[in-house]
N, C-alpha and C. Protein backbone atom coordinates (compact mmCIF):
# COMPACT_ATOMS: atom_id res chain seq x y z
N MET A 1 39.69 163.03 -56.40
CA MET A 1 40.68 164.11 -56.45
C MET A 1 42.94 163.99 -56.62
N ALA A 2 42.83 164.46 -57.66
CA ALA A 2 44.09 164.34 -57.96
C ALA A 2 45.08 165.20 -57.02
N ASP A 3 46.72 164.42 -57.22
CA ASP A 3 46.59 165.20 -55.81
C ASP A 3 48.19 166.24 -56.55
N PHE A 4 47.68 167.07 -57.01
CA PHE A 4 48.00 168.56 -57.76
C PHE A 4 49.18 169.01 -56.51
N ILE A 5 49.91 170.38 -56.74
CA ILE A 5 50.96 170.72 -56.55
C ILE A 5 50.58 171.94 -56.46
N TYR A 6 50.22 172.72 -56.01
CA TYR A 6 49.75 173.81 -55.95
C TYR A 6 50.87 175.16 -55.50
N SER A 7 51.48 176.15 -56.39
CA SER A 7 52.55 177.11 -56.50
C SER A 7 51.20 178.25 -56.47
N GLY A 8 52.14 179.44 -55.58
CA GLY A 8 51.51 180.69 -55.69
C GLY A 8 50.85 180.78 -54.76
N ASN A 9 49.01 181.06 -55.63
CA ASN A 9 47.70 181.22 -54.97
C ASN A 9 47.14 180.55 -55.60
N THR A 10 47.49 179.66 -56.03
CA THR A 10 46.58 178.15 -57.22
C THR A 10 45.69 177.70 -56.21
N LYS A 11 45.97 176.91 -55.12
CA LYS A 11 44.82 176.50 -53.81
C LYS A 11 43.58 177.51 -53.38
N GLU A 12 44.48 178.94 -53.37
CA GLU A 12 43.52 180.01 -53.79
C GLU A 12 41.97 180.50 -54.54
N MET A 13 43.08 180.42 -55.29
CA MET A 13 41.91 180.90 -56.65
C MET A 13 40.97 179.17 -56.96
N TYR A 14 41.60 178.25 -56.28
CA TYR A 14 40.50 176.77 -56.77
C TYR A 14 39.51 177.11 -55.82
N ASN A 15 39.86 177.51 -55.01
CA ASN A 15 38.78 177.42 -54.18
C ASN A 15 37.85 178.55 -53.73
N SER A 16 38.01 179.98 -54.69
CA SER A 16 36.90 180.63 -55.37
C SER A 16 36.72 180.61 -56.13
N ILE A 17 37.46 179.90 -56.80
CA ILE A 17 36.10 179.63 -58.24
C ILE A 17 35.03 178.52 -57.52
N LEU A 18 35.06 177.49 -57.03
CA LEU A 18 34.30 176.44 -56.29
C LEU A 18 33.06 177.53 -55.48
N GLU A 19 33.74 178.21 -54.93
CA GLU A 19 32.99 179.54 -53.89
C GLU A 19 31.92 180.04 -55.19
N LEU A 20 32.21 180.50 -55.76
CA LEU A 20 31.65 181.39 -56.61
C LEU A 20 30.43 181.19 -57.26
N SER A 21 31.14 179.36 -57.69
CA SER A 21 30.24 178.97 -58.01
C SER A 21 28.53 178.15 -57.45
N PRO A 22 27.01 177.98 -57.85
CA PRO A 22 26.44 178.01 -57.57
C PRO A 22 25.86 177.10 -56.20
N LYS A 23 25.62 176.90 -55.42
CA LYS A 23 25.93 175.57 -54.98
C LYS A 23 25.12 175.10 -55.06
N PRO A 24 24.29 174.27 -56.84
CA PRO A 24 23.49 173.60 -56.86
C PRO A 24 24.84 173.02 -58.27
N PHE A 25 25.42 173.82 -58.77
CA PHE A 25 26.91 173.67 -59.39
C PHE A 25 27.75 173.06 -59.28
N ARG A 26 28.31 173.07 -57.40
CA ARG A 26 29.90 173.48 -56.59
C ARG A 26 29.95 171.75 -57.33
N GLU A 27 29.76 170.17 -56.85
CA GLU A 27 29.95 169.37 -57.33
C GLU A 27 30.53 169.77 -58.72
N MET A 28 29.58 169.66 -59.44
CA MET A 28 29.87 169.61 -61.54
C MET A 28 31.37 170.28 -61.50
N THR A 29 31.79 171.60 -60.85
CA THR A 29 32.51 172.52 -61.22
C THR A 29 33.84 172.11 -60.89
N LYS A 30 33.45 171.35 -59.67
CA LYS A 30 34.86 170.87 -58.74
C LYS A 30 34.77 169.56 -59.88
N LYS A 31 34.25 169.08 -60.17
CA LYS A 31 34.43 167.52 -61.20
C LYS A 31 34.89 168.53 -62.61
N GLN A 32 34.74 169.40 -62.69
CA GLN A 32 35.28 170.03 -64.19
C GLN A 32 36.29 170.39 -64.16
N MET A 33 37.00 170.69 -63.82
CA MET A 33 38.34 172.03 -62.83
C MET A 33 39.53 170.21 -62.68
N ASP A 34 38.58 169.83 -62.40
CA ASP A 34 39.75 168.50 -61.39
C ASP A 34 40.72 168.06 -63.24
N LYS A 35 38.99 167.38 -63.77
CA LYS A 35 39.13 166.70 -64.91
C LYS A 35 40.32 167.74 -65.76
N ALA A 36 40.00 169.10 -65.95
CA ALA A 36 40.47 169.87 -66.86
C ALA A 36 42.50 170.10 -66.71
N LEU A 37 41.98 170.16 -65.02
CA LEU A 37 43.83 170.45 -63.87
C LEU A 37 44.73 169.02 -65.24
N THR A 38 43.54 168.05 -65.07
CA THR A 38 44.28 166.66 -65.13
C THR A 38 44.77 166.11 -66.26
N ASP A 39 44.10 166.70 -66.83
CA ASP A 39 44.18 166.55 -68.07
C ASP A 39 45.16 167.57 -68.89
N SER A 40 45.86 168.14 -67.99
CA SER A 40 46.68 169.50 -68.49
C SER A 40 48.13 169.11 -67.98
N VAL A 41 47.89 169.01 -66.55
CA VAL A 41 49.37 168.66 -65.96
C VAL A 41 49.27 167.20 -65.11
N GLY A 42 48.02 166.81 -64.99
CA GLY A 42 48.82 165.34 -65.18
C GLY A 42 48.40 164.94 -63.20
N ASP A 43 47.96 163.80 -62.57
CA ASP A 43 47.29 163.67 -61.44
C ASP A 43 49.23 163.82 -60.72
N GLY A 44 48.95 164.73 -59.84
CA GLY A 44 50.20 165.23 -59.39
C GLY A 44 51.08 166.00 -60.03
N GLY A 45 50.72 167.19 -60.71
CA GLY A 45 51.47 167.67 -61.70
C GLY A 45 51.11 168.91 -60.90
N GLU A 46 52.53 170.36 -60.76
CA GLU A 46 52.74 171.06 -60.66
C GLU A 46 51.12 172.44 -60.87
N ILE A 47 50.44 172.96 -60.85
CA ILE A 47 49.59 173.53 -61.12
C ILE A 47 49.76 174.96 -60.84
N THR A 48 50.46 176.38 -62.51
CA THR A 48 50.73 176.93 -61.87
C THR A 48 49.86 178.42 -61.51
N GLU A 49 50.05 179.36 -61.85
CA GLU A 49 48.72 179.98 -61.78
C GLU A 49 48.29 181.05 -63.06
N GLU A 50 49.68 181.00 -63.96
CA GLU A 50 49.05 180.33 -65.66
C GLU A 50 48.65 179.96 -65.95
N LYS A 51 48.33 178.13 -65.34
CA LYS A 51 47.80 177.49 -65.96
C LYS A 51 46.15 177.71 -65.33
N MET A 52 45.70 177.64 -64.15
CA MET A 52 44.77 178.22 -63.44
C MET A 52 44.40 178.82 -64.49
N MET A 53 44.56 180.39 -64.28
CA MET A 53 43.79 181.31 -66.08
C MET A 53 43.18 180.50 -67.29
N GLU A 54 44.53 179.64 -67.48
CA GLU A 54 44.47 179.15 -68.80
C GLU A 54 42.74 178.03 -68.59
N ILE A 55 42.48 177.60 -67.36
CA ILE A 55 42.17 176.16 -66.82
C ILE A 55 40.57 177.35 -67.58
N VAL A 56 40.65 177.98 -65.82
CA VAL A 56 39.09 178.96 -65.77
C VAL A 56 38.85 179.80 -66.78
N LYS A 57 39.48 179.61 -67.87
CA LYS A 57 39.08 180.68 -69.64
C LYS A 57 38.45 179.78 -69.98
N ALA A 58 39.28 178.36 -69.81
CA ALA A 58 38.08 177.90 -70.60
C ALA A 58 36.77 177.01 -70.86
N THR A 59 37.16 176.54 -69.09
CA THR A 59 36.28 175.18 -69.05
C THR A 59 34.84 176.40 -68.48
N THR A 60 35.46 178.33 -68.26
CA THR A 60 33.69 179.01 -67.23
C THR A 60 32.42 179.27 -68.51
N PRO A 61 31.42 179.51 -67.74
CA PRO A 61 30.70 179.81 -69.06
C PRO A 61 30.92 181.11 -68.98
N LYS A 62 31.17 182.02 -70.31
CA LYS A 62 31.40 182.55 -70.83
C LYS A 62 29.82 184.20 -70.44
N ALA A 63 29.21 184.10 -69.72
CA ALA A 63 28.27 184.84 -69.26
C ALA A 63 28.74 185.09 -67.58
N PHE A 64 29.58 184.20 -67.32
CA PHE A 64 30.42 184.31 -65.96
C PHE A 64 31.69 184.68 -65.63
N LEU A 65 32.47 184.02 -66.31
CA LEU A 65 34.06 185.32 -67.31
C LEU A 65 34.26 185.79 -66.21
N PRO A 66 33.40 186.95 -66.95
CA PRO A 66 34.13 188.30 -66.57
C PRO A 66 34.28 188.33 -65.36
N MET A 67 33.12 187.85 -64.19
CA MET A 67 33.19 187.76 -62.43
C MET A 67 33.81 186.73 -62.38
N ALA A 68 34.28 185.47 -62.82
CA ALA A 68 35.82 185.52 -61.70
C ALA A 68 36.54 185.69 -62.56
N LEU A 69 37.16 186.37 -64.07
CA LEU A 69 37.86 187.29 -63.82
C LEU A 69 38.20 188.22 -62.53
N LYS A 70 37.34 188.33 -62.12
CA LYS A 70 37.65 190.18 -61.61
C LYS A 70 37.77 189.47 -60.23
N VAL A 71 37.67 188.10 -59.99
CA VAL A 71 38.56 187.40 -58.43
C VAL A 71 39.37 186.72 -58.56
N LEU A 72 39.41 186.25 -59.73
CA LEU A 72 40.94 185.44 -59.59
C LEU A 72 42.16 186.30 -60.05
N GLU A 73 41.97 187.27 -60.64
CA GLU A 73 43.42 189.08 -61.24
C GLU A 73 43.94 189.31 -60.16
N PRO A 74 43.14 189.96 -59.27
CA PRO A 74 43.89 190.33 -58.16
C PRO A 74 44.84 188.93 -57.06
N MET A 75 44.29 188.23 -57.42
CA MET A 75 45.04 186.78 -56.48
C MET A 75 46.65 187.02 -56.88
N LEU A 76 46.74 186.62 -58.42
CA LEU A 76 48.27 187.28 -59.31
C LEU A 76 48.94 186.88 -58.53
N THR A 77 50.10 186.35 -57.93
CA THR A 77 51.27 187.34 -57.74
C THR A 77 52.34 188.29 -58.63
N LYS A 78 52.12 189.45 -58.54
CA LYS A 78 52.90 190.39 -58.85
C LYS A 78 54.53 190.06 -59.37
N LYS A 79 55.19 190.25 -60.46
CA LYS A 79 56.06 189.48 -60.96
C LYS A 79 57.20 190.75 -60.83
């Protein structure tokens, strides 16, 4: 896994997405998320909450996206 810099609640958001994924698909979900994050911010780049939401929306299957957003949106830091 890349050495990302997690800002705000992004580490918790990342872990929540993995936990939401059915066990047989968790490793695949982790690889997909890590690749998308690395492609977006680079190895060692900073992951913002906005970037995490963007990646989740782009990589989560449409049928599961509402459930994922319902879990993640309350984690967003209030501005």
